Protein backbone atom coordinates (compact mmCIF):
# COMPACT_ATOMS: atom_id res chain seq x y z
CA MET A 1 0.00 0.00 0.00
CA SER A 2 1.24 3.50 -0.81
CA GLN A 3 2.24 5.82 1.99
CA PRO A 4 -0.54 8.19 3.15
CA ILE A 5 -0.58 11.61 1.50
CA LYS A 6 0.29 14.24 4.10
CA ILE A 7 -2.42 16.87 3.73
CA GLY A 8 -3.35 20.20 5.30
CA ILE A 9 -6.75 21.89 5.51
CA VAL A 10 -7.13 25.62 4.87
CA GLY A 11 -10.28 27.39 6.05
CA VAL A 12 -11.82 25.58 9.01
CA GLY A 13 -15.54 26.30 8.76
CA LYS A 14 -18.83 24.42 8.70
CA ILE A 15 -18.18 22.39 5.54
CA VAL A 16 -14.81 21.24 6.89
CA ARG A 17 -16.29 20.07 10.18
CA ASP A 18 -19.35 18.49 8.56
CA GLN A 19 -17.66 16.78 5.61
CA HIS A 20 -13.89 17.10 5.12
CA LEU A 21 -12.67 16.09 8.57
CA PRO A 22 -14.92 13.01 8.85
CA ALA A 23 -13.95 11.90 5.32
CA LEU A 24 -10.23 12.31 5.97
CA ALA A 25 -10.43 10.58 9.35
CA LYS A 26 -11.70 7.38 7.69
CA ASP A 27 -9.41 7.44 4.64
CA GLN A 28 -6.14 5.53 4.89
CA ASP A 29 -4.85 7.36 1.81
CA TYR A 30 -4.30 10.51 3.92
CA ARG A 31 -2.74 11.76 7.10
CA LEU A 32 -3.99 15.18 8.19
CA VAL A 33 -0.91 16.97 9.53
CA ALA A 34 -1.87 20.67 9.77
CA ALA A 35 -4.61 23.26 9.42
CA ALA A 36 -4.68 26.99 8.66
CA SER A 37 -7.60 29.28 9.39
CA ARG A 38 -8.24 32.78 10.66
CA HIS A 39 -10.86 31.57 13.12
CA GLY A 40 -11.28 27.79 13.36
CA LYS A 41 -8.92 25.13 14.66
CA VAL A 42 -8.63 21.36 14.30
CA ASP A 43 -7.81 19.36 17.41
CA ASP A 44 -4.63 17.34 17.82
CA ILE A 45 -2.66 18.84 14.90
CA PRO A 46 -0.67 22.08 14.48
CA ASN A 47 -2.83 25.09 13.56
CA PHE A 48 -1.68 28.26 11.80
CA PRO A 49 -3.28 31.63 10.99
CA THR A 50 -2.35 31.54 7.27
CA ILE A 51 -1.45 29.07 4.57
CA GLU A 52 1.95 30.76 4.25
CA ALA A 53 2.70 30.09 7.91
CA MET A 54 1.56 26.49 7.56
CA LEU A 55 3.72 25.84 4.49
CA ASP A 56 6.75 27.44 6.13
CA ALA A 57 6.39 25.39 9.30
CA VAL A 58 5.30 21.99 7.99
CA ALA A 59 7.83 20.87 5.40
CA GLU A 60 6.32 17.38 5.12
CA LEU A 61 3.07 18.67 3.59
CA GLU A 62 2.35 17.15 0.19
CA ALA A 63 -1.17 18.45 -0.47
CA VAL A 64 -3.64 21.05 0.72
CA SER A 65 -7.42 21.17 0.68
CA LEU A 66 -8.68 24.75 0.23
CA CYS A 67 -12.06 25.34 1.85
CA MET A 68 -12.24 29.11 2.32
CA PRO A 69 -14.84 31.18 0.39
CA PRO A 70 -14.14 31.30 -3.36
CA GLN A 71 -13.26 35.02 -3.33
CA PHE A 72 -10.09 34.19 -1.36
CA ARG A 73 -9.11 30.87 -2.88
CA TYR A 74 -6.99 31.96 -5.84
CA ASP A 75 -4.13 33.49 -3.86
CA ALA A 76 -3.99 30.51 -1.50
CA ALA A 77 -4.00 28.09 -4.42
CA ARG A 78 -1.18 29.97 -6.18
CA THR A 79 0.84 29.90 -2.97
CA ALA A 80 0.39 26.14 -2.60
CA LEU A 81 0.99 25.29 -6.25
CA THR A 82 4.12 27.46 -6.36
CA ALA A 83 5.34 25.50 -3.33
CA LYS A 84 4.73 22.33 -5.41
CA LYS A 85 1.83 21.06 -3.30
CA HIS A 86 -1.13 19.21 -4.77
CA VAL A 87 -4.33 21.25 -4.39
CA PHE A 88 -7.94 20.23 -3.75
CA LEU A 89 -10.39 23.08 -4.46
CA GLU A 90 -13.71 22.97 -2.62
CA LYS A 91 -16.59 23.99 -4.87
CA PRO A 92 -16.90 26.41 -6.53
CA PRO A 93 -13.22 26.16 -7.49
CA GLY A 94 -12.75 29.91 -7.80
CA ALA A 95 -14.46 33.27 -8.05
CA THR A 96 -13.93 33.43 -11.83
CA VAL A 97 -13.26 31.08 -14.72
CA SER A 98 -10.03 32.86 -15.63
CA GLU A 99 -8.62 32.39 -12.12
CA VAL A 100 -9.04 28.64 -12.32
CA GLU A 101 -7.63 28.51 -15.85
CA ASP A 102 -4.50 30.19 -14.53
CA LEU A 103 -4.28 27.69 -11.67
CA LYS A 104 -4.50 24.81 -14.16
CA THR A 105 -1.53 26.25 -16.05
CA LEU A 106 0.44 26.77 -12.84
CA ALA A 107 -0.24 23.22 -11.63
CA ALA A 108 0.99 21.78 -14.91
CA HIS A 109 4.10 23.99 -14.82
CA ASN A 110 4.97 22.80 -11.31
CA GLY A 111 4.20 19.14 -11.92
CA VAL A 112 1.48 18.87 -9.28
CA SER A 113 -2.20 17.91 -9.35
CA LEU A 114 -5.16 20.30 -9.20
CA PHE A 115 -8.64 19.00 -8.39
CA ALA A 116 -11.98 20.80 -8.68
CA GLY A 117 -14.11 19.03 -6.09
CA TRP A 118 -17.62 18.91 -7.57
CA HIS A 119 -19.01 16.85 -4.68
CA SER A 120 -22.55 16.46 -6.07
CA ARG A 121 -21.20 14.51 -9.05
CA TYR A 122 -20.27 11.81 -6.56
CA ALA A 123 -23.81 11.44 -5.19
CA PRO A 124 -24.74 7.74 -5.28
CA ALA A 125 -27.33 7.76 -8.10
CA VAL A 126 -25.57 10.13 -10.50
CA GLU A 127 -23.69 7.43 -12.42
CA ALA A 128 -26.88 5.41 -12.80
CA ALA A 129 -28.68 8.49 -14.15
CA ARG A 130 -25.87 9.14 -16.60
CA ALA A 131 -26.00 5.55 -17.82
CA PHE A 132 -29.78 5.70 -18.26
CA LEU A 133 -29.69 8.98 -20.21
CA SER A 134 -26.87 7.75 -22.44
CA SER A 135 -29.13 4.91 -23.58
CA ALA A 136 -32.25 7.06 -24.06
CA ARG A 137 -33.44 9.83 -26.37
CA ILE A 138 -33.94 12.92 -24.24
CA ARG A 139 -36.84 15.20 -25.18
CA SER A 140 -36.44 17.86 -22.47
CA ALA A 141 -34.99 18.33 -19.01
CA ALA A 142 -35.61 20.49 -15.95
CA ILE A 143 -33.51 21.36 -12.90
CA ASN A 144 -35.34 22.32 -9.69
CA TRP A 145 -32.97 23.22 -6.86
CA LYS A 146 -34.76 24.87 -3.92
CA GLU A 147 -33.49 25.10 -0.37
CA ASP A 148 -33.48 27.43 2.64
CA VAL A 149 -30.33 29.53 2.97
CA ARG A 150 -31.28 30.29 6.59
CA ARG A 151 -30.96 26.59 7.37
CA TRP A 152 -27.83 25.74 5.37
CA HIS A 153 -25.80 28.97 5.56
CA PRO A 154 -26.71 30.77 8.79
CA ASN A 155 -24.78 34.01 9.36
CA GLN A 156 -22.50 33.47 6.35
CA GLU A 157 -22.44 36.95 4.87
CA TRP A 158 -19.73 36.16 2.31
CA ILE A 159 -22.29 34.37 0.12
CA TRP A 160 -24.18 37.67 -0.36
CA ALA A 161 -21.08 39.71 -1.24
CA PRO A 162 -20.00 40.33 -4.86
CA GLY A 163 -18.44 37.10 -6.02
CA GLY A 164 -20.27 35.14 -3.31
CA PHE A 165 -22.56 33.44 -5.85
CA GLY A 166 -25.78 33.80 -3.83
CA VAL A 167 -28.28 31.12 -4.90
CA PHE A 168 -25.73 29.82 -7.41
CA ASP A 169 -23.69 28.51 -4.47
CA PRO A 170 -26.09 25.54 -4.20
CA GLY A 171 -27.16 25.95 -7.83
CA ILE A 172 -23.67 25.12 -9.03
CA ASN A 173 -24.13 21.69 -7.43
CA ALA A 174 -27.07 21.12 -9.77
CA LEU A 175 -25.00 22.33 -12.69
CA SER A 176 -22.13 20.02 -11.75
CA ILE A 177 -24.53 17.07 -12.12
CA ALA A 178 -26.37 18.40 -15.19
CA THR A 179 -23.15 19.04 -17.11
CA TYR A 180 -22.10 15.45 -16.36
CA ILE A 181 -25.30 13.61 -17.29
CA LEU A 182 -26.86 15.80 -20.01
CA PRO A 183 -25.58 16.77 -23.48
CA ALA A 184 -23.56 19.98 -23.73
CA MET A 185 -25.87 22.92 -23.10
CA PHE A 186 -25.81 26.70 -23.42
CA ILE A 187 -27.73 29.44 -21.62
CA THR A 188 -30.23 31.31 -23.76
CA SER A 189 -31.81 33.53 -21.08
CA ALA A 190 -31.86 34.11 -17.34
CA VAL A 191 -33.65 36.21 -14.72
CA LEU A 192 -31.80 36.71 -11.43
CA ASP A 193 -33.67 37.98 -8.34
CA PHE A 194 -31.47 40.26 -6.25
CA PRO A 195 -32.75 41.31 -2.81
CA GLU A 196 -32.55 45.09 -2.60
CA ASN A 197 -30.13 44.79 0.34
CA ARG A 198 -27.84 42.08 -1.08
CA ALA A 199 -25.24 41.96 -3.87
CA SER A 200 -25.96 38.35 -4.96
CA PRO A 201 -29.18 36.70 -6.15
CA VAL A 202 -31.59 34.79 -3.93
CA ALA A 203 -33.41 33.10 -6.84
CA ALA A 204 -32.93 32.51 -10.56
CA ARG A 205 -34.75 31.14 -13.56
CA VAL A 206 -32.50 30.02 -16.40
CA THR A 207 -33.20 28.47 -19.79
CA PHE A 208 -30.74 26.43 -21.83
CA ARG A 209 -30.63 24.61 -25.11
CA THR A 210 -28.45 21.60 -25.61
CA SER A 211 -26.03 21.15 -28.50
CA ASN A 212 -28.74 19.17 -30.30
CA GLY A 213 -31.46 21.75 -29.62
CA LEU A 214 -33.27 20.24 -26.61
CA PRO A 215 -34.80 22.59 -24.01
CA VAL A 216 -33.54 22.59 -20.43
CA THR A 217 -34.89 24.84 -17.66
CA MET A 218 -33.44 25.59 -14.25
CA ASP A 219 -35.35 27.04 -11.30
CA LEU A 220 -33.28 28.05 -8.25
CA ASP A 221 -34.74 29.36 -4.99
CA TRP A 222 -32.91 30.02 -1.74
CA LEU A 223 -35.92 30.80 0.45
CA GLN A 224 -37.63 27.41 0.19
CA THR A 225 -39.52 26.46 3.35
CA GLY A 226 -40.61 22.95 4.27
CA PRO A 227 -39.17 20.07 2.22
CA GLN A 228 -36.02 20.93 0.32
CA SER A 229 -35.89 20.13 -3.41
CA TRP A 230 -32.77 19.02 -5.27
CA ASP A 231 -34.13 17.40 -8.43
CA ILE A 232 -33.19 16.90 -12.08
CA LEU A 233 -35.94 15.62 -14.36
CA ALA A 234 -35.78 14.36 -17.93
CA ASP A 235 -38.50 13.31 -20.35
CA THR A 236 -37.16 10.50 -22.53
CA ASP A 237 -38.33 7.81 -24.91
CA LYS A 238 -37.63 5.28 -22.16
CA GLY A 239 -39.66 7.02 -19.50
CA ALA A 240 -39.68 9.99 -17.14
CA MET A 241 -36.47 10.17 -15.14
CA VAL A 242 -36.31 11.86 -11.74
CA LEU A 243 -32.92 12.20 -10.07
CA SER A 244 -33.82 13.49 -6.61
CA GLY A 245 -32.28 14.22 -3.24
CA GLY A 246 -29.32 15.98 -4.79
CA GLY A 247 -28.43 12.86 -6.76
CA SER A 248 -29.12 10.25 -4.08
CA LYS A 249 -32.22 8.62 -5.66
CA LEU A 250 -33.10 7.68 -9.24
CA ALA A 251 -36.63 6.83 -10.36
CA ILE A 252 -37.97 6.00 -13.82
CA ASP A 253 -41.72 6.43 -14.36
CA GLY A 254 -42.17 6.65 -10.61
CA LYS A 255 -40.29 3.42 -9.84
CA LEU A 256 -37.25 3.76 -7.61
CA ILE A 257 -34.36 1.98 -9.30
CA HIS A 258 -31.28 3.26 -7.47
CA GLU A 259 -30.70 4.50 -3.91
CA GLU A 260 -27.60 4.30 -1.72
CA PRO A 261 -26.30 6.12 1.37
CA GLU A 262 -24.57 9.44 0.62
CA ALA A 263 -20.76 9.25 0.45
CA GLU A 264 -19.82 12.28 -1.64
CA TYR A 265 -16.80 13.55 0.27
CA PRO A 266 -15.17 10.13 0.81
CA MET A 267 -15.51 9.65 -2.95
CA LEU A 268 -14.00 13.10 -3.61
CA TYR A 269 -10.95 12.30 -1.53
CA LYS A 270 -10.63 8.90 -3.20
CA ARG A 271 -10.54 10.67 -6.57
CA PHE A 272 -8.02 13.25 -5.33
CA ALA A 273 -5.68 10.47 -4.18
CA GLU A 274 -6.04 8.79 -7.58
CA ILE A 275 -5.03 11.88 -9.55
CA VAL A 276 -2.18 12.75 -7.15
CA ARG A 277 -0.68 9.30 -7.59
CA ALA A 278 -1.28 9.36 -11.35
CA GLY A 279 0.35 12.79 -11.69
CA VAL A 280 -2.64 14.38 -13.46
CA SER A 281 -5.24 17.09 -12.76
CA ASP A 282 -9.04 16.98 -12.84
CA VAL A 283 -10.53 20.45 -13.31
CA ASP A 284 -13.85 20.70 -15.15
CA LEU A 285 -14.90 24.34 -15.54
CA ALA A 286 -18.30 23.78 -17.17
CA PRO A 287 -20.41 24.36 -14.02
CA LEU A 288 -18.53 27.57 -13.18
CA GLN A 289 -18.77 28.76 -16.79
CA HIS A 290 -22.56 28.39 -16.70
CA VAL A 291 -22.74 30.54 -13.57
CA ALA A 292 -20.60 33.19 -15.26
CA ASP A 293 -22.86 33.06 -18.33
CA ALA A 294 -25.98 33.44 -16.18
CA PHE A 295 -24.58 36.60 -14.59
CA MET A 296 -23.48 37.93 -17.98
CA LEU A 297 -26.75 37.23 -19.83
CA GLY A 298 -29.21 37.41 -16.96
CA LYS A 299 -31.73 40.16 -16.38
CA ARG A 300 -31.40 41.65 -12.88
CA ASN A 301 -34.71 41.71 -11.04
CA VAL A 302 -34.76 43.58 -7.69
CA VAL A 303 -36.97 41.97 -5.07
CA GLU A 304 -37.91 42.68 -1.44
CA ALA A 305 -35.03 42.98 1.02
CA PHE A 306 -33.90 39.72 2.57
CA PHE A 307 -33.02 39.65 6.26
CA ASP A 308 -31.42 36.78 8.18
């Protein structure tokens, strides 16, 4: 068995405590040796205020997992790649497409691996949905991604700042699945609802056409109460497909055909170890490009002020 990859975590917030630390703790491919964060700390390992301090002090580090907000990720990634460390980028991989393109070039130049961690692609029913759609003729598709920001992102003001993505923070999860299981698609129109007291949208309605002319719609809402909805639907010649629960369940014509326990982050870290040991990168920019296109083409619609 290969020696564990010595990894550090940067940005110790909710997603790290909920997902990254439990995944790493169970994965024999890694040994967590350090953390860097302005506010949070990880028990039983050295903690540092910045990634620079961590890299200077922990020479054995081979890889870093960057989990700070996307507005701050580029500089940290450049620092790590320049130091010849492999880099895992939490989603979204950057604030702009051009930032991540530059990081891809830098990783290749330094002979290290760069990974864009689209965790929703690793939901348990996504591969089954992809296989079904590859064998069917798709007539149309719809993405409905509706959740409550007050439940999932309490007191996280960065998501409302310019570059914070707003409702596209969860919406990009839907796009990471859609761009994997559907034909290539392009935005034709979008309406983005901006609360009058926020700089990022709280809802969006987007239309696409695929490369072969099929219609795809996307409805995003970040003020959903009650049951949360993370669904991708497709009308096909082999039946109506519903990929629900963020990719955890697949049904055809109402019959459940695939369901497994969620294991997205363990699968992400498995993939990261694979590309590190293979000496390659895995950076798909399609989901981020769609978000950029929605902001570029979308009509801004000002709605009532949103308060936490």
